Every structure is written in structure tokens, then in C-alpha cells.
């Protein structure tokens, strides 16, 4: 335990842990607002729509968004990083099954940009670690692709890498 020193030479202040904080000085408890699943889907919808549009344009496939999934949001120095997962299915196949997608988006000054989108296959074929070692999403429920390929994090993003940095 560290002692605090005053400006005068040799005088010591009392240890911090020796006193309890008065109730009037303690910060008020934070009110945490829980959102409903519908509100969460409404929040994720524009991100998932942008990601599936990006995927369709870059691959030439035709997928339609079925259900937005989970999202994680990380504030970086110059942008906000989003990892999302969502369900989509092919529109040009009659009995196409739903497939799970992962998307990585950034937002700078209210301009959203899709950096990466990957189809991970049918939801029932995905197993294992949800975040696959992503250090940004260790507290979120976003399914990540096994092979990586994420763009914004670059090296040091995954906990199993040699150059991993704890953020």
C-alpha cells in the first residue's frame, strides 16, 4: 500500500484505506439501461444491411438479410470499430438455408465503412469458441470466423498470437 506525501518535506498523509468514503462524497450508482432484443436488432440492422450489401457487391452473390445478430463496439483513437454477426440466405436459390455472416465495420465522424464481411456457413455447422480469440470481443457474444481475415485490428488482435497486446 502506498503512502501519500505532502508538499512539506518528511510529512506523511494518512493511508487511503484507513478511512471509509462518506456517502455524500461517493459517486451515485450508474443507471444501466438494458435494451430489449427488439431494440438490439433495430440497432444492429443498418450495420448488417451495409455488411451484406458489401458482401454481395464484392463476391457477386445475392444474399438477403434474415436476422441481425450481436454487435460489439470498441472506441479506438480515430474511429469506432464494430464486429457484428447476422443471418442471411441466398435469394436466387429456392430452398436455401440460412447462413451466418461476420462483419467488421468502422465509423469515423458518422461515416460507416465496411472493412470485412465473411460467410461462415450454416449456423448449426459452427462450433467452438464464439470470439475465436478476438481481444476486443472477449466480453461480447459475437461469432467470429475461424480463419481470421479481420482488417482493422491487424497484428496483435488475437490472444493466441505471439505479439498480442492486452487492451
Protein backbone atom coordinates (compact mmCIF):
# COMPACT_ATOMS: atom_id res chain seq x y z
CA UNK A 1 0.00 0.00 0.00
CA UNK A 2 1.44 3.39 -0.96
CA UNK A 3 1.67 6.38 1.33
CA UNK A 4 0.80 9.84 0.12
CA UNK A 5 3.32 12.58 0.76
CA UNK A 6 2.51 16.21 1.30
CA UNK A 7 4.43 19.11 -0.16
CA UNK A 8 6.37 19.63 3.08
CA UNK A 9 9.48 17.58 3.48
CA UNK A 10 9.10 14.47 5.59
CA UNK A 11 5.37 14.80 6.43
CA UNK A 12 3.16 11.85 5.57
CA UNK A 13 -0.53 11.86 4.90
CA UNK A 14 -2.82 9.15 6.26
CA UNK A 15 -3.17 5.98 4.32
CA UNK A 16 -6.12 5.99 1.94
CA UNK A 17 -7.52 2.62 3.01
CA UNK A 18 -7.72 3.60 6.64
CA UNK A 19 -10.88 5.66 6.09
CA UNK A 20 -14.22 4.92 4.57
CA UNK A 21 -15.61 7.31 1.99
CA UNK A 22 -18.58 9.36 3.22
CA UNK A 23 -21.85 8.66 1.44
CA UNK A 24 -22.19 12.25 0.22
CA UNK A 25 -18.77 12.02 -1.45
CA UNK A 26 -19.29 8.66 -3.17
CA UNK A 27 -20.48 8.82 -6.80
CA UNK A 28 -24.13 7.92 -7.37
CA UNK A 29 -24.72 4.42 -8.72
CA UNK A 30 -24.77 4.30 -12.51
CA UNK A 31 -28.09 3.50 -14.07
CA UNK A 32 -27.52 0.84 -16.68
CA UNK A 33 -30.22 0.66 -19.29
CA UNK A 34 -30.89 -2.83 -20.57
CA UNK A 35 -32.24 -2.92 -24.09
CA UNK A 36 -34.80 -5.39 -25.31
CA UNK A 37 -33.95 -7.90 -28.06
CA UNK A 38 -36.08 -5.85 -30.48
CA UNK A 39 -34.14 -2.66 -29.67
CA UNK A 40 -30.85 -4.53 -30.14
CA UNK A 41 -31.98 -5.85 -33.54
CA UNK A 42 -33.04 -2.33 -34.58
CA UNK A 43 -29.58 -1.04 -33.59
CA UNK A 44 -27.70 -3.80 -35.48
CA UNK A 45 -29.93 -3.69 -38.60
CA UNK A 46 -28.19 -0.83 -40.50
CA UNK A 47 -24.73 -2.33 -39.81
CA UNK A 48 -25.83 -5.79 -41.00
CA UNK A 49 -27.52 -4.29 -44.07
CA UNK A 50 -24.34 -2.44 -45.02
CA UNK A 51 -22.23 -5.58 -44.47
CA UNK A 52 -24.44 -7.86 -46.60
CA UNK A 53 -24.55 -5.24 -49.38
CA UNK A 54 -20.75 -5.08 -49.27
CA UNK A 55 -20.54 -8.88 -49.45
CA UNK A 56 -22.97 -9.05 -52.38
CA UNK A 57 -21.04 -6.41 -54.33
CA UNK A 58 -17.60 -7.89 -53.66
CA UNK A 59 -18.48 -11.54 -54.38
CA UNK A 60 -21.31 -11.22 -56.91
CA UNK A 61 -23.57 -13.37 -54.73
CA UNK A 62 -27.16 -12.46 -53.88
CA UNK A 63 -27.92 -12.74 -50.16
CA UNK A 64 -30.78 -11.19 -48.25
CA UNK A 65 -30.56 -10.27 -44.57
CA UNK A 66 -32.79 -12.53 -42.45
CA UNK A 67 -31.91 -11.69 -38.87
CA UNK A 68 -29.39 -9.27 -37.36
CA UNK A 69 -27.35 -10.81 -34.57
CA UNK A 70 -24.98 -9.40 -31.95
CA UNK A 71 -22.64 -6.44 -32.09
CA UNK A 72 -19.53 -5.29 -30.24
CA UNK A 73 -18.37 -1.69 -30.25
CA UNK A 74 -14.81 -0.57 -29.46
CA UNK A 75 -13.65 3.03 -29.42
CA UNK A 76 -10.22 3.43 -30.97
CA UNK A 77 -8.15 6.62 -31.26
CA UNK A 78 -9.56 7.82 -34.59
CA UNK A 79 -12.56 5.57 -35.23
CA UNK A 80 -15.11 3.23 -33.69
CA UNK A 81 -14.73 -0.46 -34.56
CA UNK A 82 -17.78 -2.73 -34.81
CA UNK A 83 -17.87 -6.53 -35.02
CA UNK A 84 -21.27 -7.98 -35.92
CA UNK A 85 -22.77 -11.32 -36.77
CA UNK A 86 -26.04 -11.89 -38.61
CA UNK A 87 -28.04 -14.45 -40.58
CA UNK A 88 -28.71 -14.20 -44.32
CA UNK A 89 -29.86 -16.51 -47.07
CA UNK A 90 -29.41 -16.69 -50.83
CA UNK A 91 -32.21 -15.12 -52.84
CA UNK A 92 -31.54 -16.98 -56.09
CA UNK A 93 -31.91 -20.48 -54.56
CA UNK A 94 -35.44 -21.69 -53.80
CA UNK A 95 -34.87 -23.64 -50.56
CA UNK A 96 -31.65 -22.00 -49.40
CA UNK A 97 -30.73 -22.45 -45.77
CA UNK A 98 -29.81 -19.53 -43.55
CA UNK A 99 -26.09 -18.88 -43.25
CA UNK A 100 -24.20 -16.96 -40.58
CA UNK A 101 -22.04 -13.98 -41.53
CA UNK A 102 -19.43 -11.94 -39.70
CA UNK A 103 -18.81 -8.29 -40.50
CA UNK A 104 -16.26 -5.73 -39.39
CA UNK A 105 -17.15 -2.07 -39.79
CA UNK A 106 -15.58 1.22 -38.77
CA UNK A 107 -17.19 4.57 -38.19
CA UNK A 108 -15.36 7.88 -38.43
CA UNK A 109 -17.26 11.14 -37.98
CA UNK A 110 -20.61 9.36 -38.52
CA UNK A 111 -19.42 7.76 -41.79
CA UNK A 112 -19.78 3.97 -41.65
CA UNK A 113 -17.39 1.83 -43.71
CA UNK A 114 -17.43 -1.97 -44.12
CA UNK A 115 -13.90 -3.36 -43.88
CA UNK A 116 -14.61 -7.08 -43.97
CA UNK A 117 -17.53 -9.48 -44.37
CA UNK A 118 -17.32 -13.27 -44.43
CA UNK A 119 -19.84 -16.08 -44.76
CA UNK A 120 -19.22 -18.69 -42.06
CA UNK A 121 -21.72 -21.28 -43.30
CA UNK A 122 -24.81 -22.77 -41.74
CA UNK A 123 -25.32 -21.84 -38.09
CA UNK A 124 -25.51 -25.47 -36.94
CA UNK A 125 -22.11 -26.21 -38.52
CA UNK A 126 -20.34 -23.56 -36.44
CA UNK A 127 -18.90 -24.71 -33.14
CA UNK A 128 -16.15 -23.83 -30.72
CA UNK A 129 -15.07 -20.52 -29.26
CA UNK A 130 -17.51 -17.72 -30.15
CA UNK A 131 -14.95 -14.95 -30.48
CA UNK A 132 -12.06 -17.19 -31.61
CA UNK A 133 -9.57 -15.20 -29.54
CA UNK A 134 -10.56 -11.65 -30.57
CA UNK A 135 -9.35 -9.43 -27.72
CA UNK A 136 -11.98 -6.76 -28.47
CA UNK A 137 -14.89 -9.17 -28.17
CA UNK A 138 -13.96 -11.23 -25.15
CA UNK A 139 -16.96 -9.78 -23.25
CA UNK A 140 -19.40 -9.90 -26.18
CA UNK A 141 -21.36 -12.68 -27.84
CA UNK A 142 -20.27 -12.10 -31.47
CA UNK A 143 -19.40 -15.21 -33.51
CA UNK A 144 -16.06 -14.74 -35.35
CA UNK A 145 -14.71 -16.66 -38.35
CA UNK A 146 -12.11 -19.32 -37.63
CA UNK A 147 -9.64 -18.30 -40.32
CA UNK A 148 -9.41 -14.68 -39.18
CA UNK A 149 -9.06 -12.17 -42.00
CA UNK A 150 -10.19 -9.23 -39.93
CA UNK A 151 -8.90 -5.94 -41.23
CA UNK A 152 -8.90 -3.15 -38.63
CA UNK A 153 -7.20 -4.94 -35.75
CA UNK A 154 -4.20 -6.17 -37.76
CA UNK A 155 -1.42 -7.89 -35.80
CA UNK A 156 -1.87 -8.39 -32.09
CA UNK A 157 -5.67 -8.59 -32.25
CA UNK A 158 -5.97 -12.23 -31.22
CA UNK A 159 -4.98 -13.60 -27.83
CA UNK A 160 -3.21 -16.62 -29.30
CA UNK A 161 -0.75 -14.51 -31.33
CA UNK A 162 2.83 -14.06 -30.17
CA UNK A 163 2.60 -10.26 -30.42
CA UNK A 164 -0.78 -9.95 -28.62
CA UNK A 165 -1.19 -6.77 -26.60
CA UNK A 166 -3.75 -6.52 -23.79
CA UNK A 167 -6.02 -3.53 -24.46
